[in-house]
Amino acid sequence: MNIFDCHSHWATDKGYLFRTEDERAQQEKIWRTPFKLFTEDEQARYFRDNNARVILDISWIKELPLAEMKPYHDYVLDVQQRHRDVMFGQWMQFDPRRHGPAAIEEFHRCLARGAGFVGLCVNGQVTGTPADDPAWEPFYRASIDVGAPVMILCGLTGIGQGLPGGKGIVLEDGHPRYIDRVAARYPDLKILAARPAWPWQDDLLAIMLHKPNVHYELHGWGPRQFTPTLKKEIRGRMQDRIMFGCDFPVLRYEKVIADWQAEGYPEAVLQKVLHDNAARYFGAAS
């Protein structure tokens, strides 16, 4: 089966999500996968071997000054240009207070490269700026202007998990209530809620029922760990609005896809969730 992965990370030395030895040691504790670096070509070959088209996120660079982020953006777009068959696009994260309006200029610069999809990702927890904060308004306006979905991260994050003080991250900054407020304020904005929203899973499902501009992708968790309510909605009324995300390299397709198939979903539902919904949402050719 072909899959469309709405959210994974870079596994290369230059792009790997976890930068310190402590963070890399935590990967095995939290996700139970070993730390391993891939070359750019090995990474692309892994996606091909698993019939995956992927949107990647080099999220850690948002902690850098904007001038230092630009070479990384050029790097990911250069690699994407070489592997367009499997690398559909990139999510770009910024800190709205650190980078300000200049981040929108950088977003447009990256779009102008023409390397594929480029979208903005809002991380309220790591930036300490919940998604409904006015500092994010230029990001939402820019996404509406170019017709691109914006990803808003919610629920439990593995970033900082198990480290002292959770690395200073406040989980409440990723509560789905902020997605609800953004969806109400910007009805023309395409919002892709990201990660299972546990422990506020039912809140997010209620928001989806109420707000048609909110869709949902499920990276970072194996499907066996989803709540019973979420599993019911995947089979039922949300089967056209829920999409697959893997969270490679901390999770790997071989196990995650096998677990999806073992959950007993009808084949038609799996086809939608693992590929068709995202292909339609992002306007990707099948």
C-alpha atoms as a PDB file:
ATOM      1  CA  MET A   1       0.000   0.000   0.000  1.00  0.00           C
ATOM      2  CA  ASN A   2       1.196   3.517  -0.765  1.00  0.00           C
ATOM      3  CA  ILE A   3       1.258   5.790   2.275  1.00  0.00           C
ATOM      4  CA  PHE A   4       1.249   9.544   2.751  1.00  0.00           C
ATOM      5  CA  ASP A   5       3.082  10.544   5.908  1.00  0.00           C
ATOM      6  CA  CYS A   6       1.908  13.975   7.064  1.00  0.00           C
ATOM      7  CA  HIS A   7       4.628  14.448   9.645  1.00  0.00           C
ATOM      8  CA  SER A   8       8.070  12.955  10.187  1.00  0.00           C
ATOM      9  CA  HIS A   9      11.486  14.360  11.008  1.00  0.00           C
ATOM     10  CA  TRP A  10      14.918  14.406   9.439  1.00  0.00           C
ATOM     11  CA  ALA A  11      17.210  11.473  10.251  1.00  0.00           C
ATOM     12  CA  THR A  12      20.395  13.018   8.845  1.00  0.00           C
ATOM     13  CA  ASP A  13      23.286  14.362  10.871  1.00  0.00           C
ATOM     14  CA  LYS A  14      22.422  17.926   9.907  1.00  0.00           C
ATOM     15  CA  GLY A  15      18.700  17.620  10.526  1.00  0.00           C
ATOM     16  CA  TYR A  16      18.200  15.090  13.340  1.00  0.00           C
ATOM     17  CA  LEU A  17      15.583  16.217  15.833  1.00  0.00           C
ATOM     18  CA  PHE A  18      17.598  15.373  18.953  1.00  0.00           C
ATOM     19  CA  ARG A  19      20.878  17.262  19.164  1.00  0.00           C
ATOM     20  CA  THR A  20      22.337  16.184  22.526  1.00  0.00           C
ATOM     21  CA  GLU A  21      23.440  12.816  23.884  1.00  0.00           C
ATOM     22  CA  ASP A  22      20.855  13.053  26.684  1.00  0.00           C
ATOM     23  CA  GLU A  23      18.037  13.664  24.199  1.00  0.00           C
ATOM     24  CA  ARG A  24      19.193  10.815  21.972  1.00  0.00           C
ATOM     25  CA  ALA A  25      19.353   8.455  24.949  1.00  0.00           C
ATOM     26  CA  GLN A  26      15.757   9.403  25.808  1.00  0.00           C
ATOM     27  CA  GLN A  27      14.609   8.315  22.337  1.00  0.00           C
ATOM     28  CA  GLU A  28      15.050   4.650  23.228  1.00  0.00           C
ATOM     29  CA  LYS A  29      13.277   5.114  26.565  1.00  0.00           C
ATOM     30  CA  ILE A  30      10.265   6.989  25.165  1.00  0.00           C
ATOM     31  CA  TRP A  31       9.796   5.455  21.690  1.00  0.00           C
ATOM     32  CA  ARG A  32      11.833   2.233  22.129  1.00  0.00           C
ATOM     33  CA  THR A  33      13.760   2.760  18.934  1.00  0.00           C
ATOM     34  CA  PRO A  34      17.556   3.138  18.700  1.00  0.00           C
ATOM     35  CA  PHE A  35      19.188   6.366  17.627  1.00  0.00           C
ATOM     36  CA  LYS A  36      20.571   6.021  14.101  1.00  0.00           C
ATOM     37  CA  LEU A  37      21.752   8.566  11.551  1.00  0.00           C
ATOM     38  CA  PHE A  38      20.937   8.236   7.840  1.00  0.00           C
ATOM     39  CA  THR A  39      22.630   9.912   4.915  1.00  0.00           C
ATOM     40  CA  GLU A  40      20.358  12.008   2.720  1.00  0.00           C
ATOM     41  CA  ASP A  41      20.236   9.266   0.090  1.00  0.00           C
ATOM     42  CA  GLU A  42      19.656   6.535   2.681  1.00  0.00           C
ATOM     43  CA  GLN A  43      16.759   8.513   4.102  1.00  0.00           C
ATOM     44  CA  ALA A  44      15.151   8.885   0.668  1.00  0.00           C
ATOM     45  CA  ARG A  45      15.723   5.201  -0.073  1.00  0.00           C
ATOM     46  CA  TYR A  46      14.000   4.280   3.204  1.00  0.00           C
ATOM     47  CA  PHE A  47      10.937   6.254   2.138  1.00  0.00           C
ATOM     48  CA  ARG A  48      10.950   4.577  -1.302  1.00  0.00           C
ATOM     49  CA  ASP A  49      11.310   1.114   0.205  1.00  0.00           C
ATOM     50  CA  ASN A  50       8.188   1.811   2.277  1.00  0.00           C
ATOM     51  CA  ASN A  51       6.150   3.367  -0.554  1.00  0.00           C
ATOM     52  CA  ALA A  52       5.939   6.621   1.407  1.00  0.00           C
ATOM     53  CA  ARG A  53       5.531  10.245   0.380  1.00  0.00           C
ATOM     54  CA  VAL A  54       6.513  12.391   3.322  1.00  0.00           C
ATOM     55  CA  ILE A  55       6.276  15.904   4.730  1.00  0.00           C
ATOM     56  CA  LEU A  56       9.297  16.452   6.992  1.00  0.00           C
ATOM     57  CA  ASP A  57       9.895  18.851   9.856  1.00  0.00           C
ATOM     58  CA  ILE A  58      13.358  20.134  10.826  1.00  0.00           C
ATOM     59  CA  SER A  59      11.767  21.523  13.950  1.00  0.00           C
ATOM     60  CA  TRP A  60      14.759  22.026  16.249  1.00  0.00           C
ATOM     61  CA  ILE A  61      16.163  24.984  14.292  1.00  0.00           C
ATOM     62  CA  LYS A  62      13.426  27.327  15.565  1.00  0.00           C
ATOM     63  CA  GLU A  63      15.661  27.844  18.596  1.00  0.00           C
ATOM     64  CA  LEU A  64      18.256  29.544  16.343  1.00  0.00           C
ATOM     65  CA  PRO A  65      18.354  33.171  15.199  1.00  0.00           C
ATOM     66  CA  LEU A  66      16.592  33.579  11.876  1.00  0.00           C
ATOM     67  CA  ALA A  67      19.816  34.237   9.965  1.00  0.00           C
ATOM     68  CA  GLU A  68      21.164  30.876  11.156  1.00  0.00           C
ATOM     69  CA  MET A  69      17.942  29.079  10.171  1.00  0.00           C
ATOM     70  CA  LYS A  70      18.142  30.064   6.503  1.00  0.00           C
ATOM     71  CA  PRO A  71      21.010  27.720   5.517  1.00  0.00           C
ATOM     72  CA  TYR A  72      19.078  24.826   7.068  1.00  0.00           C
ATOM     73  CA  HIS A  73      15.998  25.745   5.057  1.00  0.00           C
ATOM     74  CA  ASP A  74      18.105  25.807   1.911  1.00  0.00           C
ATOM     75  CA  TYR A  75      19.546  22.433   2.876  1.00  0.00           C
ATOM     76  CA  VAL A  76      16.166  20.709   3.314  1.00  0.00           C
ATOM     77  CA  LEU A  77      14.786  22.221   0.112  1.00  0.00           C
ATOM     78  CA  ASP A  78      17.884  21.226  -1.861  1.00  0.00           C
ATOM     79  CA  VAL A  79      17.542  17.620  -0.666  1.00  0.00           C
ATOM     80  CA  GLN A  80      13.811  17.685  -1.333  1.00  0.00           C
ATOM     81  CA  GLN A  81      14.414  18.897  -4.871  1.00  0.00           C
ATOM     82  CA  ARG A  82      16.599  15.841  -5.501  1.00  0.00           C
ATOM     83  CA  HIS A  83      14.024  13.425  -4.097  1.00  0.00           C
ATOM     84  CA  ARG A  84      10.687  14.861  -5.129  1.00  0.00           C
ATOM     85  CA  ASP A  85       9.209  11.407  -5.691  1.00  0.00           C
ATOM     86  CA  VAL A  86       9.201  10.703  -1.927  1.00  0.00           C
ATOM     87  CA  MET A  87       9.710  14.101  -0.264  1.00  0.00           C
ATOM     88  CA  PHE A  88       6.449  15.927  -0.813  1.00  0.00           C
ATOM     89  CA  GLY A  89       7.187  18.907   1.399  1.00  0.00           C
ATOM     90  CA  GLN A  90       8.450  20.577   4.540  1.00  0.00           C
ATOM     91  CA  TRP A  91       6.860  21.969   7.671  1.00  0.00           C
ATOM     92  CA  MET A  92       8.634  25.072   8.933  1.00  0.00           C
ATOM     93  CA  GLN A  93       8.598  26.071  12.577  1.00  0.00           C
ATOM     94  CA  PHE A  94       9.434  29.500  13.925  1.00  0.00           C
ATOM     95  CA  ASP A  95       9.261  31.199  17.301  1.00  0.00           C
ATOM     96  CA  PRO A  96       6.842  34.110  16.771  1.00  0.00           C
ATOM     97  CA  ARG A  97       8.377  36.217  19.526  1.00  0.00           C
ATOM     98  CA  ARG A  98      12.002  35.547  18.670  1.00  0.00           C
ATOM     99  CA  HIS A  99      11.653  35.831  14.876  1.00  0.00           C
ATOM    100  CA  GLY A 100       8.639  38.129  14.457  1.00  0.00           C
ATOM    101  CA  PRO A 101       7.357  39.262  11.024  1.00  0.00           C
ATOM    102  CA  ALA A 102      10.692  38.429   9.401  1.00  0.00           C
ATOM    103  CA  ALA A 103       9.692  34.765   9.726  1.00  0.00           C
ATOM    104  CA  ILE A 104       6.921  35.374   7.189  1.00  0.00           C
ATOM    105  CA  GLU A 105       9.460  36.797   4.746  1.00  0.00           C
ATOM    106  CA  GLU A 106      11.513  33.637   5.169  1.00  0.00           C
ATOM    107  CA  PHE A 107       8.414  31.490   4.624  1.00  0.00           C
ATOM    108  CA  HIS A 108       7.745  33.274   1.323  1.00  0.00           C
ATOM    109  CA  ARG A 109      11.411  32.971   0.324  1.00  0.00           C
ATOM    110  CA  CYS A 110      11.218  29.216   0.819  1.00  0.00           C
ATOM    111  CA  LEU A 111       7.940  28.988  -1.090  1.00  0.00           C
ATOM    112  CA  ALA A 112       9.549  30.833  -3.998  1.00  0.00           C
ATOM    113  CA  ARG A 113      12.160  28.069  -4.283  1.00  0.00           C
ATOM    114  CA  GLY A 114       9.459  25.914  -5.886  1.00  0.00           C
ATOM    115  CA  ALA A 115      10.800  22.712  -4.341  1.00  0.00           C
ATOM    116  CA  GLY A 116       7.384  21.418  -3.279  1.00  0.00           C
ATOM    117  CA  PHE A 117       4.958  21.955  -0.420  1.00  0.00           C
ATOM    118  CA  VAL A 118       6.004  24.371   2.327  1.00  0.00           C
ATOM    119  CA  GLY A 119       3.730  24.873   5.329  1.00  0.00           C
ATOM    120  CA  LEU A 120       3.924  26.574   8.698  1.00  0.00           C
ATOM    121  CA  CYS A 121       3.816  24.552  11.916  1.00  0.00           C
ATOM    122  CA  VAL A 122       2.720  26.135  15.203  1.00  0.00           C
ATOM    123  CA  ASN A 123       4.370  24.698  18.307  1.00  0.00           C
ATOM    124  CA  GLY A 124       2.810  26.408  21.307  1.00  0.00           C
ATOM    125  CA  GLN A 125       4.533  24.196  23.846  1.00  0.00           C
ATOM    126  CA  VAL A 126       8.175  24.571  22.834  1.00  0.00           C
ATOM    127  CA  THR A 127       7.810  28.295  22.097  1.00  0.00           C
ATOM    128  CA  GLY A 128       5.696  28.939  25.210  1.00  0.00           C
ATOM    129  CA  THR A 129       3.186  30.738  22.981  1.00  0.00           C
ATOM    130  CA  PRO A 130      -0.209  28.964  22.714  1.00  0.00           C
ATOM    131  CA  ALA A 131      -1.753  28.798  19.262  1.00  0.00           C
ATOM    132  CA  ASP A 132      -4.359  31.494  19.931  1.00  0.00           C
ATOM    133  CA  ASP A 133      -1.773  34.085  20.969  1.00  0.00           C
ATOM    134  CA  PRO A 134      -1.885  37.200  18.735  1.00  0.00           C
ATOM    135  CA  ALA A 135       1.804  36.669  17.945  1.00  0.00           C
ATOM    136  CA  TRP A 136       0.740  33.847  15.593  1.00  0.00           C
ATOM    137  CA  GLU A 137      -1.692  35.970  13.580  1.00  0.00           C
ATOM    138  CA  PRO A 138       0.815  36.816  10.777  1.00  0.00           C
ATOM    139  CA  PHE A 139       1.474  33.087  10.369  1.00  0.00           C
ATOM    140  CA  TYR A 140      -2.219  32.330   9.949  1.00  0.00           C
ATOM    141  CA  ARG A 141      -2.731  35.236   7.552  1.00  0.00           C
ATOM    142  CA  ALA A 142       0.220  34.102   5.451  1.00  0.00           C
ATOM    143  CA  SER A 143      -1.122  30.539   5.310  1.00  0.00           C
ATOM    144  CA  ILE A 144      -4.553  31.762   4.226  1.00  0.00           C
ATOM    145  CA  ASP A 145      -2.973  34.000   1.575  1.00  0.00           C
ATOM    146  CA  VAL A 146      -1.100  31.117  -0.059  1.00  0.00           C
ATOM    147  CA  GLY A 147      -3.835  28.536   0.519  1.00  0.00           C
ATOM    148  CA  ALA A 148      -1.633  26.255   2.621  1.00  0.00           C
ATOM    149  CA  PRO A 149      -2.708  24.271   5.691  1.00  0.00           C
ATOM    150  CA  VAL A 150      -1.125  25.204   8.997  1.00  0.00           C
ATOM    151  CA  MET A 151      -0.163  22.431  11.393  1.00  0.00           C
ATOM    152  CA  ILE A 152      -0.898  23.037  15.086  1.00  0.00           C
ATOM    153  CA  LEU A 153       0.713  20.619  17.524  1.00  0.00           C
ATOM    154  CA  CYS A 154      -1.320  19.475  20.522  1.00  0.00           C
ATOM    155  CA  GLY A 155      -1.403  16.922  23.330  1.00  0.00           C
ATOM    156  CA  LEU A 156       1.493  15.133  24.996  1.00  0.00           C
ATOM    157  CA  THR A 157       4.845  15.806  23.359  1.00  0.00           C
ATOM    158  CA  GLY A 158       7.864  13.544  23.542  1.00  0.00           C
ATOM    159  CA  ILE A 159      10.117  16.607  23.467  1.00  0.00           C
ATOM    160  CA  GLY A 160      11.521  16.995  26.975  1.00  0.00           C
ATOM    161  CA  GLN A 161       9.689  13.930  28.255  1.00  0.00           C
ATOM    162  CA  GLY A 162      11.612  12.412  31.143  1.00  0.00           C
ATOM    163  CA  LEU A 163      14.122  15.268  31.306  1.00  0.00           C
ATOM    164  CA  PRO A 164      14.335  17.600  34.334  1.00  0.00           C
ATOM    165  CA  GLY A 165      11.295  19.856  34.364  1.00  0.00           C
ATOM    166  CA  GLY A 166      10.273  18.437  30.998  1.00  0.00           C
ATOM    167  CA  LYS A 167      12.881  20.784  29.501  1.00  0.00           C
ATOM    168  CA  GLY A 168      10.712  23.686  30.695  1.00  0.00           C
ATOM    169  CA  ILE A 169       7.792  22.767  28.416  1.00  0.00           C
ATOM    170  CA  VAL A 170       4.279  23.392  29.739  1.00  0.00           C
ATOM    171  CA  LEU A 171       1.948  20.772  28.286  1.00  0.00           C
ATOM    172  CA  GLU A 172      -1.131  22.955  28.730  1.00  0.00           C
ATOM    173  CA  ASP A 173       0.239  25.259  26.006  1.00  0.00           C
ATOM    174  CA  GLY A 174      -0.738  22.470  23.599  1.00  0.00           C
ATOM    175  CA  HIS A 175      -4.345  22.094  24.751  1.00  0.00           C
ATOM    176  CA  PRO A 176      -6.861  21.714  21.885  1.00  0.00           C
ATOM    177  CA  ARG A 177      -8.864  24.660  23.225  1.00  0.00           C
ATOM    178  CA  TYR A 178      -6.381  26.918  21.443  1.00  0.00           C
ATOM    179  CA  ILE A 179      -7.076  25.151  18.145  1.00  0.00           C
ATOM    180  CA  ASP A 180     -10.788  25.731  18.705  1.00  0.00           C
ATOM    181  CA  ARG A 181     -10.212  29.459  19.191  1.00  0.00           C
ATOM    182  CA  VAL A 182      -8.013  29.714  16.101  1.00  0.00           C
ATOM    183  CA  ALA A 183     -10.538  27.785  13.997  1.00  0.00           C
ATOM    184  CA  ALA A 184     -13.332  30.124  15.105  1.00  0.00           C
ATOM    185  CA  ARG A 185     -11.270  33.257  14.506  1.00  0.00           C
ATOM    186  CA  TYR A 186     -10.007  32.198  11.057  1.00  0.00           C
ATOM    187  CA  PRO A 187     -12.751  30.180   9.313  1.00  0.00           C
ATOM    188  CA  ASP A 188     -10.808  30.285   6.017  1.00  0.00           C
ATOM    189  CA  LEU A 189      -7.705  28.744   7.596  1.00  0.00           C
ATOM    190  CA  LYS A 190      -7.061  25.047   6.924  1.00  0.00           C
ATOM    191  CA  ILE A 191      -5.923  23.649  10.283  1.00  0.00           C
ATOM    192  CA  LEU A 192      -4.233  20.281  10.650  1.00  0.00           C
ATOM    193  CA  ALA A 193      -4.218  19.330  14.333  1.00  0.00           C
ATOM    194  CA  ALA A 194      -1.166  17.176  14.973  1.00  0.00           C
ATOM    195  CA  ARG A 195      -0.434  14.308  17.367  1.00  0.00           C
ATOM    196  CA  PRO A 196      -3.084  12.412  19.297  1.00  0.00           C
ATOM    197  CA  ALA A 197      -4.388  15.089  21.654  1.00  0.00           C
ATOM    198  CA  TRP A 198      -4.154  12.895  24.757  1.00  0.00           C
ATOM    199  CA  PRO A 199      -5.064  13.574  27.523  1.00  0.00           C
ATOM    200  CA  TRP A 200      -7.584  15.895  25.837  1.00  0.00           C
ATOM    201  CA  GLN A 201      -8.511  13.544  23.005  1.00  0.00           C
ATOM    202  CA  ASP A 202     -12.276  13.952  23.288  1.00  0.00           C
ATOM    203  CA  ASP A 203     -11.891  17.748  23.323  1.00  0.00           C
ATOM    204  CA  LEU A 204     -10.200  17.634  19.927  1.00  0.00           C
ATOM    205  CA  LEU A 205     -12.833  15.300  18.469  1.00  0.00           C
ATOM    206  CA  ALA A 206     -15.575  17.659  19.663  1.00  0.00           C
ATOM    207  CA  ILE A 207     -13.758  20.554  17.994  1.00  0.00           C
ATOM    208  CA  MET A 208     -13.616  18.599  14.744  1.00  0.00           C
ATOM    209  CA  LEU A 209     -17.352  17.965  14.902  1.00  0.00           C
ATOM    210  CA  HIS A 210     -17.953  21.674  15.378  1.00  0.00           C
ATOM    211  CA  LYS A 211     -15.276  23.183  13.122  1.00  0.00           C
ATOM    212  CA  PRO A 212     -15.096  21.832   9.547  1.00  0.00           C
ATOM    213  CA  ASN A 213     -11.801  23.643   8.920  1.00  0.00           C
ATOM    214  CA  VAL A 214     -10.007  21.337  11.408  1.00  0.00           C
ATOM    215  CA  HIS A 215      -8.508  18.029  10.239  1.00  0.00           C
ATOM    216  CA  TYR A 216      -6.291  15.682  12.195  1.00  0.00           C
ATOM    217  CA  GLU A 217      -3.064  13.693  11.784  1.00  0.00           C
ATOM    218  CA  LEU A 218      -1.740  11.171  14.269  1.00  0.00           C
ATOM    219  CA  HIS A 219       2.070  11.137  14.312  1.00  0.00           C
ATOM    220  CA  GLY A 220       4.094  10.171  17.337  1.00  0.00           C
ATOM    221  CA  TRP A 221       1.929   7.334  18.676  1.00  0.00           C
ATOM    222  CA  GLY A 222       1.368   3.750  17.633  1.00  0.00           C
ATOM    223  CA  PRO A 223      -2.292   3.019  16.789  1.00  0.00           C
ATOM    224  CA  ARG A 224      -2.593   0.423  19.553  1.00  0.00           C
ATOM    225  CA  GLN A 225      -2.247   3.266  22.088  1.00  0.00           C
ATOM    226  CA  PHE A 226      -5.130   5.349  20.701  1.00  0.00           C
ATOM    227  CA  THR A 227      -8.113   5.828  22.994  1.00  0.00           C
ATOM    228  CA  PRO A 228     -11.243   3.729  22.348  1.00  0.00           C
ATOM    229  CA  THR A 229     -13.124   6.875  21.353  1.00  0.00           C
ATOM    230  CA  LEU A 230     -10.507   7.807  18.761  1.00  0.00           C
ATOM    231  CA  LYS A 231     -10.518   4.275  17.339  1.00  0.00           C
ATOM    232  CA  LYS A 232     -14.301   4.454  17.025  1.00  0.00           C
ATOM    233  CA  GLU A 233     -14.125   7.803  15.200  1.00  0.00           C
ATOM    234  CA  ILE A 234     -11.469   6.486  12.784  1.00  0.00           C
ATOM    235  CA  ARG A 235     -13.900   3.742  11.784  1.00  0.00           C
ATOM    236  CA  GLY A 236     -16.864   6.079  11.711  1.00  0.00           C
ATOM    237  CA  ARG A 237     -17.671   9.713  11.112  1.00  0.00           C
ATOM    238  CA  MET A 238     -14.057  10.992  11.088  1.00  0.00           C
ATOM    239  CA  GLN A 239     -12.689   8.453   8.598  1.00  0.00           C
ATOM    240  CA  ASP A 240     -12.474  11.128   5.866  1.00  0.00           C
ATOM    241  CA  ARG A 241     -10.709  13.727   8.054  1.00  0.00           C
ATOM    242  CA  ILE A 242      -8.050  11.735   9.892  1.00  0.00           C
ATOM    243  CA  MET A 243      -4.618  11.195   8.346  1.00  0.00           C
ATOM    244  CA  PHE A 244      -1.480   9.220   8.998  1.00  0.00           C
ATOM    245  CA  GLY A 245       1.745  10.605  10.420  1.00  0.00           C
ATOM    246  CA  CYS A 246       4.624   8.339  11.418  1.00  0.00           C
ATOM    247  CA  ASP A 247       7.188  10.464  13.303  1.00  0.00           C
ATOM    248  CA  PHE A 248      10.173   8.809  11.625  1.00  0.00           C
ATOM    249  CA  PRO A 249      12.935   8.317  12.687  1.00  0.00           C
ATOM    250  CA  VAL A 250      11.767   7.825  16.288  1.00  0.00           C
ATOM    251  CA  LEU A 251       9.048   5.533  14.914  1.00  0.00           C
ATOM    252  CA  ARG A 252       9.519   3.326  11.852  1.00  0.00           C
ATOM    253  CA  TYR A 253       7.064   2.382   9.118  1.00  0.00           C
ATOM    254  CA  GLU A 254       7.642  -1.357   9.417  1.00  0.00           C
ATOM    255  CA  LYS A 255       6.109  -1.498  12.899  1.00  0.00           C
ATOM    256  CA  VAL A 256       3.649   1.398  12.728  1.00  0.00           C
ATOM    257  CA  ILE A 257       2.002   0.253   9.486  1.00  0.00           C
ATOM    258  CA  ALA A 258       1.867  -3.354  10.705  1.00  0.00           C
ATOM    259  CA  ASP A 259       0.142  -2.142  13.877  1.00  0.00           C
ATOM    260  CA  TRP A 260      -2.391  -0.144  11.841  1.00  0.00           C
ATOM    261  CA  GLN A 261      -3.164  -3.247   9.800  1.00  0.00           C
ATOM    262  CA  ALA A 262      -3.488  -5.365  12.950  1.00  0.00           C
ATOM    263  CA  GLU A 263      -6.155  -3.091  14.462  1.00  0.00           C
ATOM    264  CA  GLY A 264      -8.852  -4.611  12.270  1.00  0.00           C
ATOM    265  CA  TYR A 265      -9.930  -1.487  10.396  1.00  0.00           C
ATOM    266  CA  PRO A 266     -11.740  -2.141   7.105  1.00  0.00           C
ATOM    267  CA  GLU A 267      -9.420  -1.960   4.116  1.00  0.00           C
ATOM    268  CA  ALA A 268     -11.332   1.029   2.746  1.00  0.00           C
ATOM    269  CA  VAL A 269     -10.756   2.950   5.989  1.00  0.00           C
ATOM    270  CA  LEU A 270      -7.041   2.119   6.011  1.00  0.00           C
ATOM    271  CA  GLN A 271      -6.750   3.328   2.420  1.00  0.00           C
ATOM    272  CA  LYS A 272      -8.287   6.648   3.392  1.00  0.00           C
ATOM    273  CA  VAL A 273      -6.290   7.199   6.577  1.00  0.00           C
ATOM    274  CA  LEU A 274      -2.915   5.971   5.334  1.00  0.00           C
ATOM    275  CA  HIS A 275      -3.041   7.693   1.956  1.00  0.00           C
ATOM    276  CA  ASP A 276      -6.145   9.063   0.274  1.00  0.00           C
ATOM    277  CA  ASN A 277      -7.256  11.662   2.826  1.00  0.00           C
ATOM    278  CA  ALA A 278      -3.854  13.354   2.877  1.00  0.00           C
ATOM    279  CA  ALA A 279      -3.376  13.111  -0.898  1.00  0.00           C
ATOM    280  CA  ARG A 280      -6.673  14.922  -1.333  1.00  0.00           C
ATOM    281  CA  TYR A 281      -6.016  17.435   1.460  1.00  0.00           C
ATOM    282  CA  PHE A 282      -2.606  18.439   0.103  1.00  0.00           C
ATOM    283  CA  GLY A 283      -3.589  18.237  -3.542  1.00  0.00           C
ATOM    284  CA  ALA A 284      -1.067  15.491  -4.235  1.00  0.00           C
ATOM    285  CA  ALA A 285      -1.264  13.250  -7.267  1.00  0.00           C
ATOM    286  CA  SER A 286      -1.897   9.642  -6.361  1.00  0.00           C
END
